[in-house]
PDB file of N, CA and C in Angstrom:
ATOM      1  N   UNK A   1     149.791  94.110  81.750  1.00  0.00           N
ATOM      2  CA  UNK A   1     150.154  96.029  80.961  1.00  0.00           C
ATOM      3  C   UNK A   1     148.593  96.417  81.335  1.00  0.00           C
ATOM      4  N   UNK A   2     148.953  97.879  81.799  1.00  0.00           N
ATOM      5  CA  UNK A   2     147.810  98.368  82.131  1.00  0.00           C
ATOM      6  C   UNK A   2     146.468  98.825  81.211  1.00  0.00           C
ATOM      7  N   UNK A   3     145.440  98.496  81.385  1.00  0.00           N
ATOM      8  CA  UNK A   3     144.660  98.601  79.914  1.00  0.00           C
ATOM      9  C   UNK A   3     143.662 100.843  80.277  1.00  0.00           C
ATOM     10  N   UNK A   4     143.953 100.640  78.731  1.00  0.00           N
ATOM     11  CA  UNK A   4     142.911 102.708  79.594  1.00  0.00           C
ATOM     12  C   UNK A   4     142.641 102.608  78.683  1.00  0.00           C
ATOM     13  N   UNK A   5     141.589 104.151  79.177  1.00  0.00           N
ATOM     14  CA  UNK A   5     140.154 104.296  77.803  1.00  0.00           C
ATOM     15  C   UNK A   5     140.660 105.594  77.851  1.00  0.00           C
ATOM     16  N   UNK A   6     141.126 106.457  76.354  1.00  0.00           N
ATOM     17  CA  UNK A   6     141.399 107.545  76.381  1.00  0.00           C
ATOM     18  C   UNK A   6     139.884 109.026  75.558  1.00  0.00           C
ATOM     19  N   UNK A   7     139.680 109.450  76.591  1.00  0.00           N
ATOM     20  CA  UNK A   7     138.873 110.225  75.339  1.00  0.00           C
ATOM     21  C   UNK A   7     139.334 111.449  74.735  1.00  0.00           C
ATOM     22  N   UNK A   8     139.519 111.652  73.213  1.00  0.00           N
ATOM     23  CA  UNK A   8     139.901 112.629  73.107  1.00  0.00           C
ATOM     24  C   UNK A   8     139.159 112.973  72.416  1.00  0.00           C
ATOM     25  N   UNK A   9     139.343 115.333  72.130  1.00  0.00           N
ATOM     26  CA  UNK A   9     138.791 116.117  71.011  1.00  0.00           C
ATOM     27  C   UNK A   9     140.122 116.187  70.715  1.00  0.00           C
ATOM     28  N   UNK A  10     139.157 117.345  69.229  1.00  0.00           N
ATOM     29  CA  UNK A  10     140.441 117.191  67.637  1.00  0.00           C
ATOM     30  C   UNK A  10     138.825 118.485  67.394  1.00  0.00           C
ATOM     31  N   UNK A  11     139.952 119.532  67.555  1.00  0.00           N
ATOM     32  CA  UNK A  11     140.123 120.707  66.373  1.00  0.00           C
ATOM     33  C   UNK A  11     140.346 121.661  65.213  1.00  0.00           C
ATOM     34  N   UNK A  12     139.409 122.329  64.730  1.00  0.00           N
ATOM     35  CA  UNK A  12     140.369 122.441  63.693  1.00  0.00           C
ATOM     36  C   UNK A  12     140.459 122.315  62.712  1.00  0.00           C
ATOM     37  N   UNK A  13     139.833 120.903  62.469  1.00  0.00           N
ATOM     38  CA  UNK A  13     140.264 119.593  61.691  1.00  0.00           C
ATOM     39  C   UNK A  13     138.795 120.368  60.664  1.00  0.00           C
ATOM     40  N   UNK A  14     139.584 120.240  58.704  1.00  0.00           N
ATOM     41  CA  UNK A  14     139.122 120.327  57.818  1.00  0.00           C
ATOM     42  C   UNK A  14     138.700 118.581  56.735  1.00  0.00           C
ATOM     43  N   UNK A  15     138.103 118.782  57.172  1.00  0.00           N
ATOM     44  CA  UNK A  15     137.452 117.736  56.375  1.00  0.00           C
ATOM     45  C   UNK A  15     136.478 118.030  54.922  1.00  0.00           C
ATOM     46  N   UNK A  16     136.187 117.230  54.452  1.00  0.00           N
ATOM     47  CA  UNK A  16     135.094 116.426  53.129  1.00  0.00           C
ATOM     48  C   UNK A  16     134.168 116.353  53.607  1.00  0.00           C
ATOM     49  N   UNK A  17     133.023 116.554  52.973  1.00  0.00           N
ATOM     50  CA  UNK A  17     131.913 115.788  53.046  1.00  0.00           C
ATOM     51  C   UNK A  17     130.859 115.719  52.403  1.00  0.00           C
ATOM     52  N   UNK A  18     130.489 114.409  51.495  1.00  0.00           N
ATOM     53  CA  UNK A  18     130.385 114.400  50.044  1.00  0.00           C
ATOM     54  C   UNK A  18     128.714 114.435  50.623  1.00  0.00           C
ATOM     55  N   UNK A  19     128.399 115.542  49.558  1.00  0.00           N
ATOM     56  CA  UNK A  19     126.548 115.485  49.400  1.00  0.00           C
ATOM     57  C   UNK A  19     126.079 115.364  48.346  1.00  0.00           C
ATOM     58  N   UNK A  20     125.067 115.730  48.295  1.00  0.00           N
ATOM     59  CA  UNK A  20     123.866 114.894  47.071  1.00  0.00           C
ATOM     60  C   UNK A  20     124.627 116.794  45.979  1.00  0.00           C
ATOM     61  N   UNK A  21     124.353 117.060  46.131  1.00  0.00           N
ATOM     62  CA  UNK A  21     124.491 118.584  46.318  1.00  0.00           C
ATOM     63  C   UNK A  21     126.596 118.812  45.530  1.00  0.00           C
ATOM     64  N   UNK A  22     126.958 118.060  45.730  1.00  0.00           N
ATOM     65  CA  UNK A  22     129.076 117.907  45.787  1.00  0.00           C
ATOM     66  C   UNK A  22     129.157 118.685  46.926  1.00  0.00           C
ATOM     67  N   UNK A  23     130.396 117.742  46.776  1.00  0.00           N
ATOM     68  CA  UNK A  23     131.581 117.621  48.408  1.00  0.00           C
ATOM     69  C   UNK A  23     131.705 119.157  48.916  1.00  0.00           C
ATOM     70  N   UNK A  24     131.147 118.925  50.019  1.00  0.00           N
ATOM     71  CA  UNK A  24     131.875 120.686  50.457  1.00  0.00           C
ATOM     72  C   UNK A  24     133.204 120.143  51.485  1.00  0.00           C
ATOM     73  N   UNK A  25     134.394 120.822  51.451  1.00  0.00           N
ATOM     74  CA  UNK A  25     134.994 121.134  52.179  1.00  0.00           C
ATOM     75  C   UNK A  25     134.414 122.678  53.786  1.00  0.00           C
ATOM     76  N   UNK A  26     134.871 121.963  54.364  1.00  0.00           N
ATOM     77  CA  UNK A  26     134.279 122.648  55.960  1.00  0.00           C
ATOM     78  C   UNK A  26     135.022 122.185  57.647  1.00  0.00           C
ATOM     79  N   UNK A  27     135.723 122.929  58.909  1.00  0.00           N
ATOM     80  CA  UNK A  27     136.307 123.093  59.739  1.00  0.00           C
ATOM     81  C   UNK A  27     135.078 121.921  60.313  1.00  0.00           C
ATOM     82  N   UNK A  28     135.932 121.646  61.602  1.00  0.00           N
ATOM     83  CA  UNK A  28     134.577 120.559  62.836  1.00  0.00           C
ATOM     84  C   UNK A  28     135.175 120.453  63.546  1.00  0.00           C
ATOM     85  N   UNK A  29     135.013 119.892  64.564  1.00  0.00           N
ATOM     86  CA  UNK A  29     136.151 119.630  65.374  1.00  0.00           C
ATOM     87  C   UNK A  29     135.444 117.195  66.498  1.00  0.00           C
ATOM     88  N   UNK A  30     135.764 116.398  66.816  1.00  0.00           N
ATOM     89  CA  UNK A  30     135.082 115.624  67.090  1.00  0.00           C
ATOM     90  C   UNK A  30     134.913 115.992  68.114  1.00  0.00           C
ATOM     91  N   UNK A  31     134.668 114.955  68.845  1.00  0.00           N
ATOM     92  CA  UNK A  31     135.071 113.473  69.772  1.00  0.00           C
ATOM     93  C   UNK A  31     134.727 112.227  70.117  1.00  0.00           C
ATOM     94  N   UNK A  32     136.112 111.350  71.438  1.00  0.00           N
ATOM     95  CA  UNK A  32     136.347 109.863  70.464  1.00  0.00           C
ATOM     96  C   UNK A  32     137.382 109.280  71.602  1.00  0.00           C
ATOM     97  N   UNK A  33     136.185 107.608  71.113  1.00  0.00           N
ATOM     98  CA  UNK A  33     137.689 107.515  73.036  1.00  0.00           C
ATOM     99  C   UNK A  33     138.213 106.062  72.166  1.00  0.00           C
ATOM    100  N   UNK A  34     139.607 105.629  72.430  1.00  0.00           N
ATOM    101  CA  UNK A  34     140.813 104.387  71.544  1.00  0.00           C
ATOM    102  C   UNK A  34     140.061 104.058  73.864  1.00  0.00           C
ATOM    103  N   UNK A  35     140.723 102.833  73.037  1.00  0.00           N
ATOM    104  CA  UNK A  35     141.851 101.749  74.179  1.00  0.00           C
ATOM    105  C   UNK A  35     142.759 100.296  73.781  1.00  0.00           C
ATOM    106  N   UNK A  36     143.860 101.296  74.444  1.00  0.00           N
ATOM    107  CA  UNK A  36     144.746 101.395  74.286  1.00  0.00           C
ATOM    108  C   UNK A  36     145.556 100.819  75.332  1.00  0.00           C
ATOM    109  N   UNK A  37     146.495  99.424  75.825  1.00  0.00           N
ATOM    110  CA  UNK A  37     147.180  99.104  76.403  1.00  0.00           C
ATOM    111  C   UNK A  37     148.899 100.070  76.465  1.00  0.00           C
ATOM    112  N   UNK A  38     149.541 100.422  77.861  1.00  0.00           N
ATOM    113  CA  UNK A  38     150.407 101.362  77.695  1.00  0.00           C
ATOM    114  C   UNK A  38     150.774 100.878  79.370  1.00  0.00           C
ATOM    115  N   UNK A  39     151.713 101.099  78.781  1.00  0.00           N
ATOM    116  CA  UNK A  39     153.188 101.378  80.484  1.00  0.00           C
ATOM    117  C   UNK A  39     152.528 102.625  81.789  1.00  0.00           C
ATOM    118  N   UNK A  40     151.817 103.645  81.305  1.00  0.00           N
ATOM    119  CA  UNK A  40     151.879 104.491  81.789  1.00  0.00           C
ATOM    120  C   UNK A  40     150.699 105.910  81.034  1.00  0.00           C
ATOM    121  N   UNK A  41     150.105 106.479  81.496  1.00  0.00           N
ATOM    122  CA  UNK A  41     148.938 107.239  81.231  1.00  0.00           C
ATOM    123  C   UNK A  41     150.055 108.127  79.755  1.00  0.00           C
ATOM    124  N   UNK A  42     151.236 108.350  79.915  1.00  0.00           N
ATOM    125  CA  UNK A  42     151.672 109.414  78.764  1.00  0.00           C
ATOM    126  C   UNK A  42     151.570 108.689  77.708  1.00  0.00           C
ATOM    127  N   UNK A  43     152.389 107.167  77.534  1.00  0.00           N
ATOM    128  CA  UNK A  43     152.164 106.245  76.732  1.00  0.00           C
ATOM    129  C   UNK A  43     151.155 105.681  76.205  1.00  0.00           C
ATOM    130  N   UNK A  44     149.571 105.552  76.591  1.00  0.00           N
ATOM    131  CA  UNK A  44     148.950 105.862  76.376  1.00  0.00           C
ATOM    132  C   UNK A  44     148.009 106.652  75.779  1.00  0.00           C
ATOM    133  N   UNK A  45     148.491 107.642  75.980  1.00  0.00           N
ATOM    134  CA  UNK A  45     148.062 108.890  74.883  1.00  0.00           C
ATOM    135  C   UNK A  45     148.280 108.820  74.137  1.00  0.00           C
ATOM    136  N   UNK A  46     149.521 108.687  74.457  1.00  0.00           N
ATOM    137  CA  UNK A  46     150.407 108.837  72.761  1.00  0.00           C
ATOM    138  C   UNK A  46     150.294 107.505  72.016  1.00  0.00           C
ATOM    139  N   UNK A  47     149.828 105.978  72.387  1.00  0.00           N
ATOM    140  CA  UNK A  47     149.791 105.198  71.764  1.00  0.00           C
ATOM    141  C   UNK A  47     148.125 105.947  71.570  1.00  0.00           C
ATOM    142  N   UNK A  48     147.051 105.775  71.557  1.00  0.00           N
ATOM    143  CA  UNK A  48     145.572 106.828  71.438  1.00  0.00           C
ATOM    144  C   UNK A  48     145.577 107.706  69.694  1.00  0.00           C
ATOM    145  N   UNK A  49     146.370 108.580  69.773  1.00  0.00           N
ATOM    146  CA  UNK A  49     146.916 109.014  68.658  1.00  0.00           C
ATOM    147  C   UNK A  49     147.245 109.550  68.250  1.00  0.00           C
ATOM    148  N   UNK A  50     147.946 107.897  68.179  1.00  0.00           N
ATOM    149  CA  UNK A  50     148.966 107.633  66.850  1.00  0.00           C
ATOM    150  C   UNK A  50     147.114 106.726  65.690  1.00  0.00           C
ATOM    151  N   UNK A  51     146.381 105.803  67.468  1.00  0.00           N
ATOM    152  CA  UNK A  51     144.771 105.182  66.224  1.00  0.00           C
ATOM    153  C   UNK A  51     144.436 106.274  66.387  1.00  0.00           C
ATOM    154  N   UNK A  52     144.519 107.390  65.914  1.00  0.00           N
ATOM    155  CA  UNK A  52     143.390 108.282  65.913  1.00  0.00           C
ATOM    156  C   UNK A  52     143.665 109.469  64.332  1.00  0.00           C
ATOM    157  N   UNK A  53     145.020 109.707  64.508  1.00  0.00           N
ATOM    158  CA  UNK A  53     145.483 109.853  63.230  1.00  0.00           C
ATOM    159  C   UNK A  53     145.137 109.416  62.013  1.00  0.00           C
ATOM    160  N   UNK A  54     145.044 107.275  62.321  1.00  0.00           N
ATOM    161  CA  UNK A  54     146.014 107.274  61.333  1.00  0.00           C
ATOM    162  C   UNK A  54     144.729 107.158  60.912  1.00  0.00           C
ATOM    163  N   UNK A  55     143.375 106.487  61.454  1.00  0.00           N
ATOM    164  CA  UNK A  55     142.756 106.892  61.451  1.00  0.00           C
ATOM    165  C   UNK A  55     141.685 108.184  60.122  1.00  0.00           C
ATOM    166  N   UNK A  56     142.172 108.822  60.811  1.00  0.00           N
ATOM    167  CA  UNK A  56     141.645 110.411  60.032  1.00  0.00           C
ATOM    168  C   UNK A  56     142.696 110.894  58.556  1.00  0.00           C
ATOM    169  N   UNK A  57     143.375 109.576  58.880  1.00  0.00           N
ATOM    170  CA  UNK A  57     144.223 110.338  57.299  1.00  0.00           C
ATOM    171  C   UNK A  57     143.705 109.792  56.204  1.00  0.00           C
ATOM    172  N   UNK A  58     142.781 108.623  56.596  1.00  0.00           N
ATOM    173  CA  UNK A  58     141.663 107.853  55.922  1.00  0.00           C
ATOM    174  C   UNK A  58     140.747 108.648  55.278  1.00  0.00           C
ATOM    175  N   UNK A  59     140.010 109.985  55.677  1.00  0.00           N
ATOM    176  CA  UNK A  59     139.866 110.779  55.305  1.00  0.00           C
ATOM    177  C   UNK A  59     139.872 111.359  55.278  1.00  0.00           C
ATOM    178  N   UNK A  60     139.244 112.477  53.264  1.00  0.00           N
ATOM    179  CA  UNK A  60     140.045 113.199  53.076  1.00  0.00           C
ATOM    180  C   UNK A  60     139.541 114.587  53.068  1.00  0.00           C
ATOM    181  N   UNK A  61     141.187 115.069  53.572  1.00  0.00           N
ATOM    182  CA  UNK A  61     140.867 116.380  54.086  1.00  0.00           C
ATOM    183  C   UNK A  61     142.165 116.973  54.986  1.00  0.00           C
ATOM    184  N   UNK A  62     142.496 118.266  55.479  1.00  0.00           N
ATOM    185  CA  UNK A  62     143.972 118.557  54.943  1.00  0.00           C
ATOM    186  C   UNK A  62     143.745 118.771  56.521  1.00  0.00           C
ATOM    187  N   UNK A  63     144.357 118.294  57.091  1.00  0.00           N
ATOM    188  CA  UNK A  63     144.320 117.628  58.367  1.00  0.00           C
ATOM    189  C   UNK A  63     145.914 118.272  59.583  1.00  0.00           C
ATOM    190  N   UNK A  64     146.614 118.983  59.311  1.00  0.00           N
ATOM    191  CA  UNK A  64     147.626 120.274  59.903  1.00  0.00           C
ATOM    192  C   UNK A  64     147.611 121.808  60.388  1.00  0.00           C
ATOM    193  N   UNK A  65     145.887 121.666  61.249  1.00  0.00           N
ATOM    194  CA  UNK A  65     145.140 122.286  61.465  1.00  0.00           C
ATOM    195  C   UNK A  65     144.517 121.640  62.443  1.00  0.00           C
ATOM    196  N   UNK A  66     144.800 120.169  62.526  1.00  0.00           N
ATOM    197  CA  UNK A  66     143.468 119.197  63.365  1.00  0.00           C
ATOM    198  C   UNK A  66     144.534 119.132  64.533  1.00  0.00           C
ATOM    199  N   UNK A  67     143.446 119.781  65.896  1.00  0.00           N
ATOM    200  CA  UNK A  67     144.931 119.764  67.050  1.00  0.00           C
ATOM    201  C   UNK A  67     144.096 119.047  68.075  1.00  0.00           C
ATOM    202  N   UNK A  68     144.713 117.983  68.924  1.00  0.00           N
ATOM    203  CA  UNK A  68     143.895 116.788  69.034  1.00  0.00           C
ATOM    204  C   UNK A  68     144.665 117.088  70.872  1.00  0.00           C
ATOM    205  N   UNK A  69     143.683 116.813  72.089  1.00  0.00           N
ATOM    206  CA  UNK A  69     143.856 116.898  73.348  1.00  0.00           C
ATOM    207  C   UNK A  69     143.340 115.868  74.443  1.00  0.00           C
ATOM    208  N   UNK A  70     143.411 115.313  75.541  1.00  0.00           N
ATOM    209  CA  UNK A  70     142.534 115.121  75.755  1.00  0.00           C
ATOM    210  C   UNK A  70     141.732 115.212  76.608  1.00  0.00           C
ATOM    211  N   UNK A  71     140.783 114.887  77.123  1.00  0.00           N
ATOM    212  CA  UNK A  71     139.618 114.828  77.326  1.00  0.00           C
ATOM    213  C   UNK A  71     139.674 114.275  78.528  1.00  0.00           C
ATOM    214  N   UNK A  72     140.001 112.903  78.963  1.00  0.00           N
ATOM    215  CA  UNK A  72     139.919 112.196  79.736  1.00  0.00           C
ATOM    216  C   UNK A  72     140.709 111.258  79.963  1.00  0.00           C
ATOM    217  N   UNK A  73     141.389 110.095  80.807  1.00  0.00           N
ATOM    218  CA  UNK A  73     142.032 109.439  80.928  1.00  0.00           C
ATOM    219  C   UNK A  73     142.317 108.458  81.566  1.00  0.00           C
ATOM    220  N   UNK A  74     141.812 107.265  81.837  1.00  0.00           N
ATOM    221  CA  UNK A  74     141.552 106.444  83.010  1.00  0.00           C
ATOM    222  C   UNK A  74     142.248 104.422  82.736  1.00  0.00           C
ATOM    223  N   UNK A  75     142.068 104.007  83.978  1.00  0.00           N
ATOM    224  CA  UNK A  75     142.633 102.255  83.620  1.00  0.00           C
ATOM    225  C   UNK A  75     141.472 101.929  84.054  1.00  0.00           C
ATOM    226  N   UNK A  76     141.153 101.667  82.585  1.00  0.00           N
ATOM    227  CA  UNK A  76     139.478 100.645  83.476  1.00  0.00           C
ATOM    228  C   UNK A  76     139.563  98.853  82.257  1.00  0.00           C
ATOM    229  N   UNK A  77     140.490  98.317  83.045  1.00  0.00           N
ATOM    230  CA  UNK A  77     140.221  97.065  81.888  1.00  0.00           C
ATOM    231  C   UNK A  77     139.355  96.232  81.247  1.00  0.00           C
ATOM    232  N   UNK A  78     137.764  96.361  82.085  1.00  0.00           N
ATOM    233  CA  UNK A  78     136.413  95.339  81.583  1.00  0.00           C
ATOM    234  C   UNK A  78     136.771  96.614  79.820  1.00  0.00           C
ATOM    235  N   UNK A  79     136.390  97.977  79.932  1.00  0.00           N
ATOM    236  CA  UNK A  79     136.351  98.741  78.670  1.00  0.00           C
ATOM    237  C   UNK A  79     136.642  98.230  77.930  1.00  0.00           C
ATOM    238  N   UNK A  80     138.399  97.583  78.312  1.00  0.00           N
ATOM    239  CA  UNK A  80     139.311  97.783  76.900  1.00  0.00           C
ATOM    240  C   UNK A  80     138.923  96.100  75.828  1.00  0.00           C
ATOM    241  N   UNK A  81     138.125  95.512  77.096  1.00  0.00           N
ATOM    242  CA  UNK A  81     138.608  94.113  76.564  1.00  0.00           C
ATOM    243  C   UNK A  81     136.506  93.950  75.630  1.00  0.00           C
ATOM    244  N   UNK A  82     136.020  95.198  76.300  1.00  0.00           N
ATOM    245  CA  UNK A  82     135.024  94.882  75.450  1.00  0.00           C
ATOM    246  C   UNK A  82     134.391  95.528  74.128  1.00  0.00           C
ATOM    247  N   UNK A  83     135.304  97.305  74.068  1.00  0.00           N
ATOM    248  CA  UNK A  83     135.634  97.555  73.694  1.00  0.00           C
ATOM    249  C   UNK A  83     137.208  98.026  72.074  1.00  0.00           C
ATOM    250  N   UNK A  84     137.869  97.600  72.565  1.00  0.00           N
ATOM    251  CA  UNK A  84     139.474  97.902  71.906  1.00  0.00           C
ATOM    252  C   UNK A  84     139.002  97.865  70.998  1.00  0.00           C
ATOM    253  N   UNK A  85     140.319  98.358  70.143  1.00  0.00           N
ATOM    254  CA  UNK A  85     141.163  99.254  70.074  1.00  0.00           C
ATOM    255  C   UNK A  85     139.694 100.543  70.129  1.00  0.00           C
ATOM    256  N   UNK A  86     138.647 100.393  69.567  1.00  0.00           N
ATOM    257  CA  UNK A  86     137.401 102.273  68.901  1.00  0.00           C
ATOM    258  C   UNK A  86     137.577 102.346  68.489  1.00  0.00           C
ATOM    259  N   UNK A  87     136.714 102.962  67.067  1.00  0.00           N
ATOM    260  CA  UNK A  87     137.023 103.370  66.241  1.00  0.00           C
ATOM    261  C   UNK A  87     135.660 104.663  66.304  1.00  0.00           C
ATOM    262  N   UNK A  88     136.391 106.025  64.360  1.00  0.00           N
ATOM    263  CA  UNK A  88     135.145 106.802  64.674  1.00  0.00           C
ATOM    264  C   UNK A  88     135.239 107.871  65.257  1.00  0.00           C
ATOM    265  N   UNK A  89     134.343 108.161  64.906  1.00  0.00           N
ATOM    266  CA  UNK A  89     134.151 110.143  65.075  1.00  0.00           C
ATOM    267  C   UNK A  89     133.392 110.679  65.543  1.00  0.00           C
ATOM    268  N   UNK A  90     132.418 111.332  66.643  1.00  0.00           N
ATOM    269  CA  UNK A  90     131.317 111.585  66.866  1.00  0.00           C
ATOM    270  C   UNK A  90     131.494 113.493  66.697  1.00  0.00           C
ATOM    271  N   UNK A  91     131.202 113.945  65.324  1.00  0.00           N
ATOM    272  CA  UNK A  91     131.848 115.477  65.031  1.00  0.00           C
ATOM    273  C   UNK A  91     131.201 116.503  65.716  1.00  0.00           C
ATOM    274  N   UNK A  92     130.769 117.502  66.045  1.00  0.00           N
ATOM    275  CA  UNK A  92     130.771 118.950  66.031  1.00  0.00           C
ATOM    276  C   UNK A  92     130.901 120.244  65.410  1.00  0.00           C
TER     277      UNK A  92
END
């Protein structure tokens, strides 16, 4: 089965940030990358989105406004073997 790298952008994600002076709710966006095996690119996107949603639900936020879109998707067996499945977010 082909191995894909899927770069995703999330926008309008309402998350809670714990700071020294208390918890703050804010709307933010992020970039992230997931590495998945799939028969074709559309399936790779679905699998990547599922991994991302599972990770986002562990954050204490209101995700009903969060929208995901694919920034890039490509086959890359070497990156998959080195980094799969990937986790985490780069927030902006």
